[in-house]
N, C-alpha and C. Protein backbone atom coordinates (compact mmCIF):
# COMPACT_ATOMS: atom_id res chain seq x y z
N UNK A 1 55.80 -37.26 16.87
CA UNK A 1 54.36 -37.44 16.62
C UNK A 1 53.77 -36.39 16.27
N UNK A 2 53.28 -36.30 14.92
CA UNK A 2 52.55 -35.04 14.29
C UNK A 2 51.45 -34.73 15.24
N UNK A 3 51.13 -33.28 15.52
CA UNK A 3 50.05 -32.67 16.02
C UNK A 3 48.84 -32.41 15.31
N UNK A 4 47.58 -33.12 15.80
CA UNK A 4 46.34 -33.27 15.03
C UNK A 4 45.83 -31.64 15.36
N UNK A 5 45.48 -30.96 14.44
CA UNK A 5 44.58 -29.76 14.34
C UNK A 5 43.06 -29.75 14.26
N UNK A 6 42.59 -28.96 15.27
CA UNK A 6 41.00 -28.83 14.81
C UNK A 6 40.63 -27.64 14.43
N UNK A 7 39.46 -27.86 13.57
CA UNK A 7 39.07 -26.62 12.79
C UNK A 7 38.40 -25.80 13.79
N UNK A 8 38.27 -24.40 13.21
CA UNK A 8 37.53 -23.47 14.12
C UNK A 8 36.34 -23.68 14.57
N UNK A 9 35.35 -24.08 13.32
CA UNK A 9 33.79 -24.64 13.36
C UNK A 9 33.95 -25.51 14.40
N UNK A 10 34.37 -26.78 14.28
CA UNK A 10 34.35 -27.89 15.40
C UNK A 10 34.78 -27.23 16.83
N UNK A 11 35.89 -26.25 17.14
CA UNK A 11 36.06 -25.93 18.38
C UNK A 11 34.85 -25.21 18.90
N UNK A 12 34.42 -24.19 18.00
CA UNK A 12 33.29 -23.28 18.22
C UNK A 12 32.24 -24.08 18.63
N UNK A 13 31.82 -25.10 18.04
CA UNK A 13 30.61 -26.19 18.22
C UNK A 13 30.75 -26.85 19.67
N UNK A 14 32.29 -27.15 19.86
CA UNK A 14 32.38 -27.99 21.10
C UNK A 14 32.21 -26.90 22.19
N UNK A 15 32.67 -25.61 22.14
CA UNK A 15 32.47 -24.89 23.14
C UNK A 15 31.12 -24.44 23.65
N UNK A 16 30.28 -24.17 22.71
CA UNK A 16 29.07 -24.14 22.73
C UNK A 16 28.11 -24.99 23.30
N UNK A 17 28.70 -26.41 23.50
CA UNK A 17 27.87 -27.35 23.95
C UNK A 17 27.86 -27.14 25.50
N UNK A 18 28.70 -26.45 26.08
CA UNK A 18 28.57 -26.20 27.77
C UNK A 18 28.46 -24.88 27.89
N UNK A 19 27.27 -24.65 28.60
CA UNK A 19 26.89 -23.29 28.59
C UNK A 19 28.31 -22.41 29.56
N UNK A 20 28.73 -23.13 30.52
CA UNK A 20 29.95 -22.55 31.01
C UNK A 20 31.31 -21.78 30.30
N UNK A 21 31.14 -22.47 29.09
CA UNK A 21 32.24 -21.95 27.90
C UNK A 21 31.82 -21.02 26.93
N UNK A 22 30.59 -20.62 27.36
CA UNK A 22 29.75 -19.39 26.24
C UNK A 22 30.73 -18.29 26.41
N UNK A 23 31.28 -17.93 27.47
CA UNK A 23 31.98 -16.59 27.59
C UNK A 23 33.23 -16.77 26.83
N UNK A 24 33.95 -17.62 26.48
CA UNK A 24 34.94 -17.89 25.37
C UNK A 24 34.61 -17.32 24.30
N UNK A 25 33.33 -17.85 23.64
CA UNK A 25 32.68 -17.34 22.24
C UNK A 25 32.50 -16.24 22.32
N UNK A 26 31.98 -15.58 23.31
CA UNK A 26 31.37 -14.27 23.44
C UNK A 26 32.35 -13.32 23.43
N UNK A 27 33.88 -13.76 24.00
CA UNK A 27 34.77 -12.67 24.25
C UNK A 27 35.41 -12.63 22.94
N UNK A 28 35.39 -13.74 21.86
CA UNK A 28 35.75 -13.58 20.57
C UNK A 28 35.01 -13.04 20.08
N UNK A 29 33.54 -13.08 19.87
CA UNK A 29 32.53 -12.22 19.15
C UNK A 29 32.85 -10.86 19.56
N UNK A 30 32.98 -10.16 20.96
CA UNK A 30 33.11 -8.93 21.42
C UNK A 30 34.27 -8.46 20.80
N UNK A 31 35.49 -9.03 20.65
CA UNK A 31 36.58 -8.41 19.96
C UNK A 31 36.42 -8.32 18.35
N UNK A 32 35.50 -9.47 17.73
CA UNK A 32 35.66 -9.10 16.55
C UNK A 32 34.54 -8.24 15.92
N UNK A 33 33.65 -7.76 16.66
CA UNK A 33 32.76 -6.71 16.23
C UNK A 33 32.83 -5.47 17.09
N UNK A 34 33.91 -5.37 18.31
CA UNK A 34 34.24 -4.25 18.96
C UNK A 34 32.89 -3.62 19.54
N UNK A 35 31.96 -4.74 20.10
CA UNK A 35 31.00 -4.05 21.17
C UNK A 35 30.55 -5.66 21.89
N UNK A 36 30.37 -5.46 23.06
CA UNK A 36 30.18 -6.82 23.99
C UNK A 36 28.90 -7.27 23.64
N UNK A 37 28.81 -8.56 23.57
CA UNK A 37 27.74 -9.63 23.25
C UNK A 37 27.70 -10.52 24.09
N UNK A 38 26.28 -11.02 24.43
CA UNK A 38 26.18 -12.10 25.21
C UNK A 38 25.25 -13.00 24.58
N UNK A 39 25.49 -14.57 24.39
CA UNK A 39 24.72 -15.40 23.87
C UNK A 39 23.50 -15.66 24.54
N UNK A 40 22.41 -15.25 24.05
CA UNK A 40 21.08 -15.81 24.57
C UNK A 40 20.71 -16.99 24.32
N UNK A 41 20.77 -17.49 22.88
CA UNK A 41 20.25 -18.96 22.73
C UNK A 41 21.33 -19.38 21.54
N UNK A 42 21.61 -20.76 21.47
CA UNK A 42 21.93 -21.56 20.43
C UNK A 42 20.65 -22.18 19.56
N UNK A 43 20.43 -21.48 18.39
CA UNK A 43 19.30 -21.50 17.60
C UNK A 43 19.48 -22.86 16.97
N UNK A 44 20.40 -23.37 16.29
CA UNK A 44 20.57 -24.49 15.30
C UNK A 44 22.19 -25.03 15.28
N UNK A 45 22.40 -26.13 15.26
CA UNK A 45 23.58 -26.86 15.31
C UNK A 45 23.41 -28.09 14.08
N UNK A 46 24.53 -28.21 13.27
CA UNK A 46 24.55 -29.38 12.40
C UNK A 46 25.83 -29.62 11.87
N UNK A 47 25.86 -30.81 11.56
CA UNK A 47 27.17 -31.20 11.04
C UNK A 47 27.19 -32.10 9.61
N UNK A 48 27.93 -31.72 8.56
CA UNK A 48 28.08 -32.65 7.38
C UNK A 48 29.07 -33.35 7.55
N UNK A 49 28.83 -34.74 7.33
CA UNK A 49 29.89 -35.75 7.64
C UNK A 49 29.99 -36.55 6.30
N UNK A 50 29.94 -35.97 5.20
CA UNK A 50 29.88 -36.62 3.84
C UNK A 50 31.30 -37.25 3.63
N UNK A 51 32.44 -36.52 3.74
CA UNK A 51 33.63 -36.89 3.76
C UNK A 51 34.76 -36.66 4.90
N UNK A 52 35.76 -37.21 5.13
CA UNK A 52 36.46 -36.54 6.49
C UNK A 52 37.17 -35.36 6.07
N UNK A 53 37.50 -35.27 4.61
CA UNK A 53 38.03 -33.67 3.94
C UNK A 53 37.07 -32.60 3.99
N UNK A 54 35.98 -33.04 3.62
CA UNK A 54 34.69 -32.12 3.57
C UNK A 54 34.01 -31.79 4.95
N UNK A 55 34.19 -32.41 5.96
CA UNK A 55 33.11 -32.24 7.00
C UNK A 55 33.45 -30.77 7.63
N UNK A 56 32.41 -30.57 8.05
CA UNK A 56 31.83 -28.95 8.70
C UNK A 56 31.04 -29.20 9.68
N UNK A 57 30.99 -28.19 10.37
CA UNK A 57 30.02 -27.71 11.24
C UNK A 57 29.34 -26.48 11.35
N UNK A 58 28.05 -26.50 11.66
CA UNK A 58 27.22 -25.11 11.80
C UNK A 58 26.51 -24.90 12.81
N UNK A 59 26.85 -23.36 13.51
CA UNK A 59 26.11 -23.32 14.56
C UNK A 59 25.66 -21.96 14.44
N UNK A 60 24.18 -21.70 14.57
CA UNK A 60 23.61 -20.49 14.71
C UNK A 60 23.31 -20.05 16.10
N UNK A 61 23.58 -18.47 16.31
CA UNK A 61 23.38 -18.02 17.71
C UNK A 61 22.82 -16.72 17.97
N UNK A 62 22.08 -16.57 18.54
CA UNK A 62 21.41 -15.31 18.79
C UNK A 62 21.97 -14.59 20.09
N UNK A 63 22.30 -13.50 19.64
CA UNK A 63 23.24 -12.65 20.93
C UNK A 63 22.53 -11.50 21.09
N UNK A 64 23.02 -10.69 22.30
CA UNK A 64 22.21 -9.36 22.70
C UNK A 64 23.55 -8.62 22.79
N UNK A 65 23.68 -7.37 22.42
CA UNK A 65 24.58 -6.29 22.48
C UNK A 65 24.34 -5.54 23.88
N UNK A 66 25.12 -4.96 24.15
CA UNK A 66 25.01 -3.98 25.65
C UNK A 66 24.05 -3.09 25.18
N UNK A 67 23.73 -2.49 23.95
CA UNK A 67 22.94 -1.67 23.57
C UNK A 67 21.53 -2.17 23.40
N UNK A 68 21.29 -3.19 23.58
CA UNK A 68 19.90 -3.90 23.38
C UNK A 68 19.74 -4.48 22.26
N UNK A 69 20.76 -4.46 21.29
CA UNK A 69 20.26 -5.13 19.68
C UNK A 69 20.60 -6.21 19.75
N UNK A 70 19.64 -7.05 18.95
CA UNK A 70 19.73 -8.67 18.83
C UNK A 70 20.50 -8.88 17.82
N UNK A 71 21.67 -9.87 17.64
CA UNK A 71 22.58 -9.99 16.59
C UNK A 71 22.42 -11.49 16.41
N UNK A 72 22.35 -11.92 14.88
CA UNK A 72 22.12 -13.40 14.88
C UNK A 72 23.78 -13.53 13.98
N UNK A 73 24.47 -14.55 14.83
CA UNK A 73 25.77 -15.10 14.23
C UNK A 73 25.77 -16.63 13.77
N UNK A 74 26.38 -16.63 12.53
CA UNK A 74 26.62 -18.13 12.15
C UNK A 74 27.86 -18.13 11.96
N UNK A 75 28.25 -19.53 12.74
CA UNK A 75 29.60 -19.78 12.47
C UNK A 75 29.59 -21.38 11.73
């Protein structure tokens, strides 16, 4: 039986639905930018469902670094 893969954008949006899972996304962002970040707010979330192959998810997040800087991430 072939394994069905989940796209990154869908996985991130799924993790952000539950506040307890924010730590996973925060960990990924921390590794990517080399600075610890905390998600303070999920600003916008949308899906495009025009076709099965063209489907995508979009999430905007406001995060704060340990330096107190506000950073906007778009996934």
